[in-house]
């Protein structure tokens, strides 16, 4: 089953691929490796999920924001590659949570991203990962994630 079909089966919609908010490339590809810049939780309507997890947002809301970042990264990869079926493996993920000082469950938030990738790509969606808390993120977004991805033809 194609990744697009799996997304449809899960009732999930990709947002529009975001335009860079600065002087950088959303994806840099070297041979069969794509380095995906940090992405935020862009919704299909073009708005971002904002707020601090542990203060403005619950852990579950943060988890859903991380899943939305996954959809945003997939939109960028689809734009770059032409098809999400070219993604072979998620290699490394860095998840950053905009968290209140007393919030400590950053990995559980970033599981929203990781669980989505495993649902779509099986074990090849399970990457090496870091999940950390930040005092702030650009535009007060709830979560930012970057990834290194192996791709094929």
Protein backbone atom coordinates (compact mmCIF):
# COMPACT_ATOMS: atom_id res chain seq x y z
CA UNK A 1 0.00 0.00 0.00
CA UNK A 2 1.34 3.45 -0.89
CA UNK A 3 2.13 5.98 1.81
CA UNK A 4 -0.57 8.27 0.39
CA UNK A 5 -3.11 5.44 0.75
CA UNK A 6 -1.98 4.77 4.33
CA UNK A 7 -2.39 8.48 5.18
CA UNK A 8 -5.90 8.43 3.69
CA UNK A 9 -6.73 5.26 5.62
CA UNK A 10 -5.61 6.99 8.84
CA UNK A 11 -7.75 10.02 7.94
CA UNK A 12 -4.70 12.30 7.88
CA UNK A 13 -4.07 15.21 5.52
CA UNK A 14 -0.75 16.76 4.61
CA UNK A 15 -0.52 20.52 5.03
CA UNK A 16 0.98 22.59 2.24
CA UNK A 17 4.77 22.28 2.18
CA UNK A 18 6.02 25.33 4.11
CA UNK A 19 8.23 27.93 2.53
CA UNK A 20 11.55 28.65 4.28
CA UNK A 21 11.30 31.28 7.01
CA UNK A 22 14.92 32.33 6.57
CA UNK A 23 18.07 31.73 4.58
CA UNK A 24 18.12 27.94 4.38
CA UNK A 25 16.85 25.01 2.31
CA UNK A 26 13.99 22.88 3.64
CA UNK A 27 15.79 19.76 2.32
CA UNK A 28 19.36 19.18 1.22
CA UNK A 29 19.90 15.91 -0.62
CA UNK A 30 23.32 14.30 -0.97
CA UNK A 31 23.19 11.06 -2.92
CA UNK A 32 20.48 8.98 -1.22
CA UNK A 33 20.35 10.95 2.05
CA UNK A 34 17.98 13.87 2.68
CA UNK A 35 18.73 16.27 5.51
CA UNK A 36 15.40 17.86 6.46
CA UNK A 37 15.54 21.23 8.23
CA UNK A 38 13.60 21.85 11.41
CA UNK A 39 9.84 21.98 10.80
CA UNK A 40 6.99 23.16 12.99
CA UNK A 41 3.43 21.89 13.40
CA UNK A 42 1.81 23.46 10.33
CA UNK A 43 -1.89 22.65 10.01
CA UNK A 44 -3.68 22.28 6.63
CA UNK A 45 -5.22 25.74 7.12
CA UNK A 46 -1.73 27.30 7.24
CA UNK A 47 -1.71 28.07 10.98
CA UNK A 48 0.77 26.66 13.48
CA UNK A 49 0.14 24.87 16.76
CA UNK A 50 1.66 27.17 19.37
CA UNK A 51 2.24 27.21 23.12
CA UNK A 52 4.37 25.64 25.80
CA UNK A 53 3.79 21.98 26.62
CA UNK A 54 3.20 21.68 30.35
CA UNK A 55 1.71 25.17 30.59
CA UNK A 56 -0.46 26.08 27.56
CA UNK A 57 -0.71 22.56 26.14
CA UNK A 58 -1.08 19.12 27.71
CA UNK A 59 1.31 16.27 26.99
CA UNK A 60 -1.32 14.76 24.68
CA UNK A 61 -1.72 18.05 22.80
CA UNK A 62 2.07 18.21 22.46
CA UNK A 63 2.05 14.64 21.12
CA UNK A 64 -0.53 15.64 18.50
CA UNK A 65 1.59 18.69 17.62
CA UNK A 66 4.58 16.37 17.06
CA UNK A 67 2.42 14.19 14.79
CA UNK A 68 1.47 17.35 12.87
CA UNK A 69 5.17 18.17 12.45
CA UNK A 70 5.53 14.69 10.95
CA UNK A 71 2.83 15.50 8.41
CA UNK A 72 4.57 18.80 7.64
CA UNK A 73 7.92 17.06 7.08
CA UNK A 74 6.18 14.54 4.83
CA UNK A 75 4.68 17.41 2.79
CA UNK A 76 8.17 18.84 2.28
CA UNK A 77 9.60 15.44 1.36
CA UNK A 78 6.76 14.81 -1.09
CA UNK A 79 7.40 18.18 -2.74
CA UNK A 80 11.14 17.44 -2.95
CA UNK A 81 10.96 13.77 -3.99
CA UNK A 82 7.72 13.65 -5.96
CA UNK A 83 6.48 10.64 -3.97
CA UNK A 84 6.62 9.62 -0.33
CA UNK A 85 7.12 6.05 -1.51
CA UNK A 86 10.74 7.02 -2.29
CA UNK A 87 11.44 7.32 1.45
CA UNK A 88 13.29 4.17 2.50
CA UNK A 89 14.21 4.84 6.11
CA UNK A 90 14.17 7.51 8.79
CA UNK A 91 17.75 7.48 10.10
CA UNK A 92 17.95 10.22 12.77
CA UNK A 93 15.41 12.57 14.32
CA UNK A 94 15.89 15.53 16.64
CA UNK A 95 12.68 16.57 18.40
CA UNK A 96 12.53 19.85 20.30
CA UNK A 97 9.63 20.58 22.63
CA UNK A 98 8.71 24.12 23.67
CA UNK A 99 8.28 23.14 27.31
CA UNK A 100 7.59 24.73 30.66
CA UNK A 101 10.59 24.43 33.03
CA UNK A 102 8.95 21.65 35.06
CA UNK A 103 7.90 19.50 32.06
CA UNK A 104 10.09 16.40 31.71
CA UNK A 105 8.25 14.02 29.36
CA UNK A 106 9.77 15.23 26.10
CA UNK A 107 10.15 11.71 24.63
CA UNK A 108 6.42 11.04 25.09
CA UNK A 109 5.64 14.21 23.13
CA UNK A 110 8.00 13.34 20.26
CA UNK A 111 6.44 9.86 20.12
CA UNK A 112 3.64 11.58 18.17
CA UNK A 113 6.10 11.96 15.29
CA UNK A 114 7.76 8.57 15.72
CA UNK A 115 4.47 6.66 16.02
CA UNK A 116 3.27 8.23 12.76
CA UNK A 117 6.43 7.25 10.90
CA UNK A 118 6.23 3.67 12.20
CA UNK A 119 2.56 3.50 11.15
CA UNK A 120 3.53 4.61 7.64
CA UNK A 121 6.93 2.94 7.13
CA UNK A 122 7.00 0.09 9.65
CA UNK A 123 10.35 -0.50 11.33
CA UNK A 124 11.99 1.74 8.71
CA UNK A 125 10.11 4.63 10.32
CA UNK A 126 11.78 3.97 13.69
CA UNK A 127 14.82 6.29 13.76
CA UNK A 128 17.63 6.97 16.17
CA UNK A 129 16.24 9.94 18.09
CA UNK A 130 16.84 12.72 20.56
CA UNK A 131 13.95 14.46 22.32
CA UNK A 132 14.77 17.62 24.27
CA UNK A 133 13.01 20.51 25.93
CA UNK A 134 13.59 24.12 24.90
CA UNK A 135 12.90 27.37 26.70
CA UNK A 136 11.36 28.72 23.50
CA UNK A 137 10.99 27.94 19.81
CA UNK A 138 10.47 30.28 16.83
CA UNK A 139 7.01 31.86 16.79
CA UNK A 140 6.20 30.03 20.04
CA UNK A 141 5.56 26.81 18.08
CA UNK A 142 4.91 23.82 20.31
CA UNK A 143 7.35 21.40 18.66
CA UNK A 144 10.16 21.54 16.09
CA UNK A 145 11.62 18.42 14.47
CA UNK A 146 14.44 17.82 12.01
CA UNK A 147 15.28 14.51 10.32
CA UNK A 148 17.81 12.60 8.27
CA UNK A 149 16.14 10.28 5.76
CA UNK A 150 17.39 7.64 3.32
CA UNK A 151 15.64 7.71 -0.05
CA UNK A 152 15.56 5.53 -3.15
CA UNK A 153 14.53 5.81 -6.76
